[in-house]
Amino acid sequence: AEKAGMKAGDVIKALDGKHSHPLAAAVGQRLLRGEPGSTLKLTILRRGTDPIEMSLVRERLLPLPVKGKLVEPGIGQLRVAEFGARSAAEAKGEIDLLKRQGVKKLVLDLRSAGFGAPADGIKVAELFLKTGVVTKLSGAKFEEQVFSVESGKPAWDGPLAVLVDSGTAGPGEIVTGALLEAGRPVVGRHTFGRAAIQKAVAFDDGSGLVVTVPRYSTPKGDLIHGKGLEPTVTVAKPDEDEEDEGTEARDLALDKAIEILKAETKKPA
């Protein structure tokens, strides 16, 4: 989808000519899937433009590794694109490497990071927290569970800024909520608002119902699911016209996070 030009916030109007409006979410997901190498035609609605016709070539999904890089002298960027069983270990390895490169301040990039298990998000959050609650899970008929920091030895306790956008969801929001309430600056746009455990209920006639059972909240108890998280510093998305001028578009959110870090002294979580 990214190769074809899709962006966070795009709305799928039609899949291979079938209008998406009457489709249940599970049916839509099934239509999106297919054999690697097959083609899917989509009609996309994007704010400020006419409907966009787009062809996607399906590919086999491979885990996206955590990547770290030096963005300015003494400032590193840690990109977590999705969450998996190895994400925390990969993130720690990249942090150690950045430290050896002289990084003293870090940008944690969680933009469009919404895929993965909540448990893996909790493990990543613990890399940046010394003590305290990471998240809570509760529901009407679900006894509250509190997930707290276990090790007490964060991989990173220096100045930190977090990048988010409308594609940051699920485990990415769990990490964001914990760091936001730990006093770390969060830069970007309002997050998606999907952090819950859902259960599929099958009926005798072959139909089914997906029910949201318990929902995750921030350490202080503010629900994430259905609401999302508001960054401490909002950076608007560049206009499409600005992105298509032929010059390389600047990463305004990253620029702002770097500006904040340059003005910040060490602040342990």
Protein backbone atom coordinates (compact mmCIF):
# COMPACT_ATOMS: atom_id res chain seq x y z
CA ALA A 1 0.00 0.00 0.00
CA GLU A 2 2.81 2.40 0.81
CA LYS A 3 4.54 1.62 -2.49
CA ALA A 4 1.29 2.41 -4.32
CA GLY A 5 1.06 5.79 -2.58
CA MET A 6 -1.50 5.20 0.18
CA LYS A 7 -1.25 7.40 3.27
CA ALA A 8 -2.56 7.32 6.82
CA GLY A 9 -6.06 8.81 6.81
CA ASP A 10 -7.02 7.60 3.33
CA VAL A 11 -10.53 6.10 3.11
CA ILE A 12 -11.20 3.08 0.90
CA LYS A 13 -14.32 3.81 -1.13
CA ALA A 14 -14.27 0.65 -3.27
CA LEU A 15 -12.33 -2.62 -3.54
CA ASP A 16 -12.19 -4.16 -7.01
CA GLY A 17 -15.36 -2.21 -7.84
CA LYS A 18 -17.27 -3.22 -4.67
CA HIS A 19 -18.42 -0.23 -2.64
CA SER A 20 -17.01 -0.42 0.88
CA HIS A 21 -19.89 1.34 2.67
CA PRO A 22 -22.20 -1.69 3.18
CA LEU A 23 -19.34 -4.11 3.94
CA ALA A 24 -18.61 -5.37 7.45
CA ALA A 25 -15.01 -4.80 8.55
CA ALA A 26 -14.24 -8.51 8.45
CA VAL A 27 -15.52 -8.77 4.85
CA GLY A 28 -13.44 -5.78 3.81
CA GLN A 29 -10.33 -7.31 5.37
CA ARG A 30 -10.97 -10.57 3.53
CA LEU A 31 -11.23 -8.72 0.20
CA LEU A 32 -7.93 -6.99 0.87
CA ARG A 33 -6.12 -10.28 1.33
CA GLY A 34 -4.95 -12.51 -1.49
CA GLU A 35 -2.07 -14.38 -3.08
CA PRO A 36 1.28 -12.55 -3.26
CA GLY A 37 1.70 -11.06 -6.73
CA SER A 38 -2.03 -10.59 -7.34
CA THR A 39 -3.43 -7.12 -7.99
CA LEU A 40 -6.08 -5.22 -6.04
CA LYS A 41 -7.77 -2.12 -7.47
CA LEU A 42 -8.89 0.47 -4.93
CA THR A 43 -10.78 3.74 -5.10
CA ILE A 44 -9.41 6.06 -2.41
CA LEU A 45 -10.93 9.15 -0.85
CA ARG A 46 -8.38 11.67 0.38
CA ARG A 47 -9.12 15.03 1.91
CA GLY A 48 -8.81 17.88 -0.58
CA THR A 49 -8.63 15.70 -3.71
CA ASP A 50 -10.92 13.92 -6.16
CA PRO A 51 -11.29 10.13 -5.75
CA ILE A 52 -8.01 8.38 -6.56
CA GLU A 53 -7.84 5.11 -8.51
CA MET A 54 -4.99 2.95 -7.29
CA SER A 55 -3.62 -0.53 -8.03
CA LEU A 56 -1.81 -2.48 -5.34
CA VAL A 57 0.30 -5.59 -5.86
CA ARG A 58 -0.12 -7.89 -2.90
CA GLU A 59 3.09 -8.98 -1.16
CA ARG A 60 3.91 -11.42 1.59
CA LEU A 61 4.24 -9.45 4.82
CA LEU A 62 7.66 -9.57 6.43
CA PRO A 63 8.38 -8.16 9.92
CA LEU A 64 9.75 -4.61 9.79
CA PRO A 65 12.86 -4.31 11.98
CA VAL A 66 13.45 -1.49 14.43
CA LYS A 67 15.95 0.96 12.93
CA GLY A 68 18.10 3.64 14.52
CA LYS A 69 20.03 6.41 12.80
CA LEU A 70 21.93 9.58 13.57
CA VAL A 71 19.93 12.64 12.45
CA GLU A 72 22.17 15.35 13.92
CA PRO A 73 25.34 15.28 15.99
CA GLY A 74 24.32 13.88 19.37
CA ILE A 75 20.69 13.26 18.32
CA GLY A 76 19.36 9.90 17.16
CA GLN A 77 16.08 8.67 15.71
CA LEU A 78 14.66 5.26 16.64
CA ARG A 79 12.02 4.10 14.17
CA VAL A 80 9.52 1.47 15.37
CA ALA A 81 7.23 0.75 12.40
CA GLU A 82 5.39 -2.20 13.95
CA PHE A 83 5.48 -4.33 17.08
CA GLY A 84 6.51 -7.95 17.29
CA ALA A 85 8.09 -10.42 19.69
CA ARG A 86 11.60 -9.11 18.87
CA SER A 87 10.81 -5.38 18.81
CA ALA A 88 12.00 -4.65 22.37
CA ALA A 89 15.26 -6.55 21.89
CA GLU A 90 15.87 -4.89 18.51
CA ALA A 91 15.12 -1.45 19.98
CA LYS A 92 17.57 -2.02 22.84
CA GLY A 93 20.23 -3.11 20.39
CA GLU A 94 19.71 -0.01 18.25
CA ILE A 95 19.76 2.23 21.35
CA ASP A 96 23.08 0.71 22.46
CA LEU A 97 24.50 1.30 18.98
CA LEU A 98 23.32 4.92 18.95
CA LYS A 99 24.90 5.49 22.36
CA ARG A 100 28.23 4.23 21.00
CA GLN A 101 27.83 6.78 18.19
CA GLY A 102 27.63 9.56 20.77
CA VAL A 103 23.85 10.05 20.84
CA LYS A 104 22.72 11.95 23.95
CA LYS A 105 19.16 12.77 22.87
CA LEU A 106 16.64 10.52 21.14
CA VAL A 107 13.53 10.79 18.95
CA LEU A 108 11.25 7.74 19.21
CA ASP A 109 9.35 7.60 15.91
CA LEU A 110 6.01 5.76 16.28
CA ARG A 111 4.29 7.25 13.23
CA SER A 112 1.98 4.76 11.48
CA ALA A 113 2.98 2.14 14.05
CA GLY A 114 -0.27 0.32 14.76
CA PHE A 115 0.40 -3.33 13.93
CA GLY A 116 1.25 -5.87 16.63
CA ALA A 117 0.30 -7.20 20.04
CA PRO A 118 -0.26 -4.89 23.02
CA ALA A 119 2.15 -7.02 25.08
CA ASP A 120 4.96 -6.17 22.67
CA GLY A 121 4.13 -2.48 22.98
CA ILE A 122 4.37 -2.75 26.77
CA LYS A 123 7.85 -4.29 26.48
CA VAL A 124 9.02 -1.44 24.26
CA ALA A 125 7.60 1.17 26.65
CA GLU A 126 9.57 -0.39 29.52
CA LEU A 127 12.81 0.47 27.69
CA PHE A 128 12.14 4.14 28.48
CA LEU A 129 10.67 3.95 31.99
CA LYS A 130 12.35 3.41 35.36
CA THR A 131 9.25 2.74 37.44
CA GLY A 132 5.48 3.06 37.40
CA VAL A 133 2.48 1.89 35.41
CA VAL A 134 2.75 1.39 31.65
CA THR A 135 -0.96 0.84 30.91
CA LYS A 136 -4.21 -0.51 32.34
CA LEU A 137 -6.75 -2.90 30.85
CA SER A 138 -10.36 -2.87 32.02
CA GLY A 139 -13.94 -3.51 30.91
CA ALA A 140 -17.50 -3.65 32.23
CA LYS A 141 -17.17 -7.35 33.14
CA PHE A 142 -13.39 -7.55 33.16
CA GLU A 143 -11.33 -7.15 36.31
CA GLU A 144 -8.80 -4.36 35.86
CA GLN A 145 -5.26 -5.41 35.04
CA VAL A 146 -2.37 -3.06 35.72
CA PHE A 147 0.86 -3.48 33.75
CA SER A 148 3.86 -1.98 35.54
CA VAL A 149 7.54 -1.66 34.72
CA GLU A 150 9.33 -4.89 35.65
CA SER A 151 13.07 -4.39 35.24
CA GLY A 152 13.57 -0.87 36.60
CA LYS A 153 16.61 -0.53 34.32
CA PRO A 154 15.60 1.46 31.23
CA ALA A 155 17.68 1.18 28.08
CA TRP A 156 17.27 4.95 27.65
CA ASP A 157 16.73 7.59 30.33
CA GLY A 158 18.10 10.65 28.55
CA PRO A 159 16.12 13.41 26.80
CA LEU A 160 13.43 11.86 24.63
CA ALA A 161 10.72 13.09 22.25
CA VAL A 162 8.02 10.89 20.68
CA LEU A 163 6.64 11.25 17.14
CA VAL A 164 3.04 10.16 16.41
CA ASP A 165 0.40 10.61 13.72
CA SER A 166 -3.09 9.44 12.79
CA GLY A 167 -1.68 6.02 11.96
CA THR A 168 -0.25 5.44 15.45
CA ALA A 169 -2.53 2.85 17.02
CA GLY A 170 -2.78 -0.11 19.40
CA PRO A 171 0.66 -0.96 20.83
CA GLY A 172 2.02 2.34 19.48
CA GLU A 173 -0.61 4.21 21.51
CA ILE A 174 0.19 2.18 24.64
CA VAL A 175 3.82 3.31 24.39
CA THR A 176 2.77 6.90 23.63
CA GLY A 177 0.33 7.08 26.56
CA ALA A 178 2.94 5.83 29.04
CA LEU A 179 5.62 8.26 27.86
CA LEU A 180 3.18 11.17 27.55
CA GLU A 181 2.17 10.82 31.20
CA ALA A 182 5.81 10.34 32.19
CA GLY A 183 6.40 13.89 30.98
CA ARG A 184 7.99 13.19 27.62
CA PRO A 185 7.07 15.60 24.79
CA VAL A 186 4.87 14.00 22.10
CA VAL A 187 4.97 15.67 18.68
CA GLY A 188 2.75 15.22 15.64
CA ARG A 189 -0.96 14.56 15.14
CA HIS A 190 -3.81 12.99 17.10
CA THR A 191 -3.46 9.20 17.22
CA PHE A 192 -5.94 6.68 15.80
CA GLY A 193 -7.66 5.45 18.98
CA ARG A 194 -7.62 1.68 18.73
CA ALA A 195 -6.38 -0.15 21.81
CA ALA A 196 -8.66 -2.96 22.97
CA ILE A 197 -9.17 -6.71 23.00
CA GLN A 198 -11.94 -7.80 20.65
CA LYS A 199 -13.80 -11.10 20.54
CA ALA A 200 -15.58 -12.65 17.57
CA VAL A 201 -18.96 -14.25 18.38
CA ALA A 202 -20.34 -16.72 15.79
CA PHE A 203 -24.08 -17.28 15.29
CA ASP A 204 -25.89 -20.38 14.03
CA ASP A 205 -26.88 -18.73 10.74
CA GLY A 206 -23.23 -18.20 9.80
CA SER A 207 -23.12 -14.51 10.69
CA GLY A 208 -20.96 -13.09 13.45
CA LEU A 209 -20.36 -10.14 15.70
CA VAL A 210 -17.08 -8.58 16.79
CA VAL A 211 -17.35 -7.28 20.35
CA THR A 212 -14.90 -4.92 22.04
CA VAL A 213 -14.38 -6.37 25.53
CA PRO A 214 -11.66 -4.74 27.71
CA ARG A 215 -9.96 -1.53 26.63
CA TYR A 216 -6.50 -0.14 27.32
CA SER A 217 -5.97 3.17 29.07
CA THR A 218 -3.06 5.42 30.00
CA PRO A 219 -1.40 4.96 33.41
CA LYS A 220 -3.74 7.59 34.87
CA GLY A 221 -6.80 5.79 33.49
CA ASP A 222 -7.68 7.84 30.40
CA LEU A 223 -9.16 5.52 27.76
CA ILE A 224 -7.25 5.24 24.50
CA HIS A 225 -9.73 3.17 22.49
CA GLY A 226 -12.22 5.30 20.56
CA LYS A 227 -10.51 8.52 21.65
CA GLY A 228 -6.86 8.47 20.70
CA LEU A 229 -4.14 10.61 22.25
CA GLU A 230 -3.46 14.29 21.73
CA PRO A 231 0.21 15.25 21.28
CA THR A 232 1.73 17.92 23.49
CA VAL A 233 2.87 19.73 20.33
CA THR A 234 0.71 19.47 17.21
CA VAL A 235 2.42 19.60 13.83
CA ALA A 236 0.02 19.77 10.90
CA LYS A 237 0.49 17.55 7.88
CA PRO A 238 1.97 19.44 4.89
CA ASP A 239 -0.44 20.26 2.08
CA GLU A 240 -0.33 17.95 -0.93
CA ASP A 241 0.70 20.90 -3.12
CA GLU A 242 3.74 21.50 -0.91
CA GLU A 243 4.76 17.84 -1.19
CA ASP A 244 4.59 17.80 -4.99
CA GLU A 245 6.79 20.79 -5.79
CA GLY A 246 9.69 18.61 -6.88
CA THR A 247 11.87 19.43 -3.89
CA GLU A 248 12.37 17.00 -1.06
CA ALA A 249 9.70 17.63 1.56
CA ARG A 250 10.98 18.45 5.01
CA ASP A 251 9.93 16.28 7.91
CA LEU A 252 8.30 19.06 9.94
CA ALA A 253 7.42 16.83 12.90
CA LEU A 254 10.97 15.50 13.16
CA ASP A 255 12.33 19.04 12.87
CA LYS A 256 10.09 20.13 15.75
CA ALA A 257 11.09 17.17 17.92
CA ILE A 258 14.78 17.98 17.35
CA GLU A 259 14.11 21.63 18.24
CA ILE A 260 12.45 20.57 21.51
CA LEU A 261 15.31 18.20 22.38
CA LYS A 262 17.94 20.87 21.77
CA ALA A 263 16.18 23.07 24.31
CA GLU A 264 15.68 20.28 26.87
CA THR A 265 17.92 19.16 29.70
CA LYS A 266 18.09 15.54 30.82
CA LYS A 267 14.72 14.50 32.30
CA PRO A 268 14.41 10.90 33.59
CA ALA A 269 11.01 9.24 33.23
